[in-house]
Protein backbone atom coordinates (compact mmCIF):
# COMPACT_ATOMS: atom_id res chain seq x y z
CA MET A 1 -0.04 -0.07 0.01
CA ASP A 2 1.30 3.38 -0.91
CA SER A 3 2.30 5.81 1.93
CA PRO A 4 0.49 9.12 2.36
CA ALA A 5 3.54 10.88 0.84
CA GLN A 6 3.33 8.56 -2.37
CA GLN A 7 -0.38 9.17 -2.79
CA LEU A 8 0.24 12.97 -2.58
CA MET A 9 2.85 12.90 -5.28
CA ARG A 10 0.37 11.43 -7.77
CA ASN A 11 -2.22 14.17 -6.86
CA PRO A 12 -2.46 17.04 -9.48
CA VAL A 13 -3.49 19.57 -6.85
CA PHE A 14 -0.70 18.70 -4.59
CA SER A 15 1.94 18.99 -7.48
CA HIS A 16 0.91 22.55 -7.82
CA VAL A 17 1.16 23.20 -4.04
CA TYR A 18 4.46 21.37 -3.93
CA GLU A 19 6.05 23.62 -6.64
CA ARG A 20 4.71 26.88 -5.26
CA LEU A 21 4.72 26.44 -1.50
CA TRP A 22 5.70 23.15 0.05
CA ARG A 23 9.22 22.52 -1.36
CA PRO A 24 10.54 26.00 -0.67
CA VAL A 25 9.12 25.96 2.91
CA PHE A 26 10.56 22.52 3.48
CA THR A 27 13.98 23.71 2.37
CA ARG A 28 13.74 26.37 5.07
CA LEU A 29 12.61 23.82 7.62
CA PHE A 30 15.70 21.71 6.86
CA SER A 31 17.54 24.69 8.19
CA LEU A 32 15.52 24.79 11.37
CA GLY A 33 14.14 28.12 10.27
CA GLY A 34 17.46 29.63 9.33
CA THR A 35 18.99 30.04 5.77
CA GLY A 36 21.86 27.56 5.79
CA THR A 37 20.15 24.99 3.59
CA ALA A 38 18.75 27.55 1.25
CA ASP A 39 22.13 29.25 0.87
CA PHE A 40 23.87 26.01 0.06
CA ASP A 41 21.13 25.03 -2.22
CA ARG A 42 21.53 28.33 -4.27
CA ALA A 43 25.29 27.70 -4.58
CA LEU A 44 24.87 24.11 -5.57
CA THR A 45 22.23 24.96 -8.17
CA ALA A 46 24.62 27.61 -9.54
CA TYR A 47 27.47 24.96 -9.72
CA LEU A 48 25.17 22.36 -11.51
CA SER A 49 23.96 24.98 -14.03
CA ARG A 50 27.45 26.23 -14.95
CA PRO A 51 27.82 26.67 -18.77
CA GLY A 52 28.89 23.73 -20.84
CA GLU A 53 27.61 20.96 -23.12
CA ARG A 54 27.03 18.52 -20.35
CA LEU A 55 24.36 15.94 -20.00
CA VAL A 56 22.54 16.04 -16.67
CA LEU A 57 19.98 13.63 -15.16
CA ASP A 58 17.69 14.96 -12.34
CA VAL A 59 16.19 11.80 -10.78
CA ALA A 60 12.87 12.20 -8.98
CA CYS A 61 12.55 15.59 -10.44
CA GLY A 62 9.02 16.37 -9.27
CA PRO A 63 7.67 19.46 -10.97
CA GLY A 64 10.98 20.19 -12.54
CA ASN A 65 12.29 23.02 -10.37
CA TYR A 66 15.80 22.00 -10.26
CA THR A 67 15.57 20.49 -13.79
CA ARG A 68 14.74 23.80 -15.37
CA ARG A 69 17.24 25.88 -13.42
CA VAL A 70 20.07 23.45 -14.30
CA ALA A 71 19.02 23.30 -17.97
CA ASP A 72 18.89 27.00 -18.41
CA GLY A 73 22.56 27.48 -17.54
CA LEU A 74 23.93 24.78 -19.95
CA THR A 75 25.16 25.72 -23.38
CA GLY A 76 25.60 24.19 -26.86
CA ASP A 77 24.25 20.70 -26.85
CA GLY A 78 23.93 20.63 -23.07
CA ARG A 79 20.76 19.01 -21.70
CA CYS A 80 19.09 18.33 -18.39
CA ILE A 81 16.59 15.41 -18.34
CA GLY A 82 14.23 15.06 -15.35
CA ILE A 83 12.73 11.68 -14.49
CA ASP A 84 9.88 11.04 -12.00
CA PHE A 85 7.29 8.22 -11.46
CA SER A 86 4.40 10.63 -10.77
CA PRO A 87 2.31 11.59 -13.84
CA ALA A 88 0.92 14.57 -12.03
CA MET A 89 4.48 15.91 -11.23
CA LEU A 90 5.61 15.41 -14.83
CA SER A 91 2.49 17.19 -16.11
CA MET A 92 3.34 20.19 -13.81
CA ALA A 93 6.94 19.98 -14.98
CA ALA A 94 5.87 20.14 -18.68
CA ARG A 95 3.66 23.06 -18.04
CA THR A 96 5.76 25.21 -15.74
CA ASN A 97 9.37 24.16 -16.33
CA ALA A 98 9.63 23.34 -20.05
CA GLY A 99 12.69 24.74 -21.86
CA PRO A 100 14.87 24.20 -24.94
CA ARG A 101 17.41 22.23 -22.93
CA ALA A 102 15.00 20.55 -20.31
CA GLY A 103 13.24 17.25 -21.01
CA TYR A 104 10.99 14.91 -18.85
CA ILE A 105 10.50 11.22 -18.90
CA ARG A 106 8.37 8.94 -16.70
CA ALA A 107 10.59 6.39 -15.11
CA ASP A 108 11.13 4.42 -11.92
CA ALA A 109 14.28 5.57 -10.06
CA HIS A 110 14.93 1.99 -9.18
CA ALA A 111 15.52 1.18 -12.87
CA ILE A 112 16.73 4.33 -14.69
CA PRO A 113 16.11 3.74 -18.35
CA PHE A 114 19.61 4.77 -19.56
CA ALA A 115 22.74 2.85 -20.17
CA ASP A 116 25.72 2.79 -17.93
CA ASN A 117 28.14 5.64 -17.99
CA THR A 118 25.78 8.12 -19.77
CA PHE A 119 25.62 11.39 -17.75
CA ASP A 120 28.17 14.08 -16.81
CA SER A 121 26.08 14.86 -13.68
CA VAL A 122 23.33 12.80 -11.86
CA THR A 123 21.36 14.48 -9.18
CA CYS A 124 18.47 13.49 -6.70
CA LEU A 125 17.57 16.63 -4.76
CA ALA A 126 14.91 16.87 -2.05
CA ALA A 127 13.30 13.57 -3.09
CA LEU A 128 15.26 10.54 -1.87
CA TYR A 129 13.53 10.56 1.50
CA LEU A 130 10.10 10.00 -0.05
CA ILE A 131 11.12 6.97 -2.38
CA PRO A 132 10.43 3.56 -1.10
CA ASP A 133 13.51 1.30 -0.82
CA PRO A 134 15.73 4.29 -1.56
CA LEU A 135 19.25 2.81 -1.12
CA PRO A 136 19.05 0.84 -4.44
CA VAL A 137 18.30 4.23 -6.19
CA VAL A 138 21.73 5.43 -4.99
CA ASP A 139 23.28 2.53 -6.90
CA GLU A 140 21.39 3.55 -10.08
CA LEU A 141 22.61 7.15 -9.67
CA VAL A 142 26.21 5.89 -9.73
CA ARG A 143 25.51 3.44 -12.61
CA VAL A 144 24.28 6.00 -15.16
CA ALA A 145 27.05 8.56 -14.26
CA ARG A 146 29.95 8.49 -16.75
CA PRO A 147 33.52 7.87 -15.41
CA GLY A 148 34.63 11.18 -13.95
CA GLY A 149 31.02 12.24 -13.63
CA GLU A 150 29.51 13.68 -10.41
CA ILE A 151 26.64 12.31 -8.17
CA VAL A 152 24.80 14.85 -6.12
CA VAL A 153 22.23 14.01 -3.37
CA PHE A 154 20.24 16.33 -1.12
CA THR A 155 18.19 14.53 1.45
CA SER A 156 17.37 14.07 5.11
CA VAL A 157 19.81 13.11 7.80
CA SER A 158 19.46 11.99 11.42
CA THR A 159 20.10 14.67 14.16
CA GLU A 160 19.29 15.04 17.72
CA LEU A 161 15.92 16.49 16.88
CA ASP A 162 14.62 13.09 15.53
CA ALA A 163 15.40 11.42 18.89
CA LEU A 164 12.44 13.52 20.25
CA PRO A 165 9.44 11.36 21.28
CA GLY A 166 7.23 10.53 18.36
CA VAL A 167 9.36 12.05 15.62
CA ARG A 168 10.50 8.90 13.85
CA ALA A 169 7.06 7.30 14.34
CA VAL A 170 5.37 10.22 12.56
CA ALA A 171 7.98 10.28 9.81
CA GLY A 172 7.65 6.57 9.23
CA ALA A 173 3.81 6.67 9.00
CA SER A 174 3.93 9.41 6.46
CA GLY A 175 6.48 7.68 4.23
CA TYR A 176 9.27 10.20 5.04
CA ARG A 177 12.67 8.54 5.68
CA ILE A 178 15.33 9.96 8.06
CA PHE A 179 18.67 8.72 6.87
CA GLY A 180 21.50 7.90 9.21
CA ARG A 181 24.54 10.08 9.05
CA HIS A 182 26.57 7.54 7.12
CA GLU A 183 23.96 5.64 5.08
CA ILE A 184 24.13 7.71 1.95
CA ILE A 185 27.93 8.11 1.90
CA GLU A 186 28.56 4.37 2.73
CA ARG A 187 25.99 3.41 -0.11
CA LEU A 188 27.76 5.58 -2.56
CA ARG A 189 31.20 4.24 -1.66
CA SER A 190 29.81 0.60 -1.95
CA ALA A 191 28.55 1.44 -5.44
CA GLY A 192 31.94 2.56 -6.45
CA ALA A 193 31.92 6.27 -6.08
CA GLU A 194 34.93 8.08 -4.85
CA HIS A 195 35.70 11.57 -3.33
CA VAL A 196 32.54 11.45 -1.37
CA GLU A 197 31.87 14.72 0.57
CA GLN A 198 29.05 15.36 2.89
CA THR A 199 27.75 18.74 4.16
CA ILE A 200 25.14 18.74 6.85
CA THR A 201 22.87 21.80 7.21
CA GLY A 202 20.22 21.58 9.91
CA GLN A 203 18.11 18.41 9.22
CA GLY A 204 19.43 17.95 5.59
CA GLN A 205 22.57 16.73 3.95
CA TYR A 206 24.23 17.43 0.65
CA VAL A 207 26.46 14.57 -0.52
CA ILE A 208 28.75 14.99 -3.68
CA ALA A 209 30.67 12.18 -5.11
CA VAL A 210 32.55 11.27 -8.22
CA LYS A 211 32.49 8.05 -10.31
CA PRO A 212 36.09 6.81 -10.93
CA GLY A 213 37.48 7.64 -14.35
């Protein structure tokens, strides 16, 4: 049975709320009301959207917020492809975040429909904590990255706050996963990634790794 979070992601009304309100507010909540996560997020997006003819994959792209921002910075034959399992999210992406270098495909993040060693950059931003059985998705991110390519993940992380009574129970019931501090970095390394760097901001973590050349 789908979790409440999964059901919401397939709801056309929620896809609009998610783009305009929920995702920006949630980024602020990751910073515990501060701006740390939002500041890092802006810097990361600027880095991912640097000029170049790179091929970028945005996994679990939702309504395409990141996909479009990254695509708009690419040049030449550069492209950013967003994949998501929710038709409602993809419909919103096509309406609000289309662009000459942005494209969208419906796909399961557990079985990304691209060959090994395809993309210069592979991202999964503000989404992994809502995907059922998420760790195999990390393996897929590494698989489709080209040798020398980067893998970038932004997701939840365990802190002292989720030790408070009831926090983990509510998160589990809603389908929201709180990752241990080493879960993502260890999975990336076991999938073969190198130079794994983790930055924790509030309740969130940014992890950047490189696939060996």
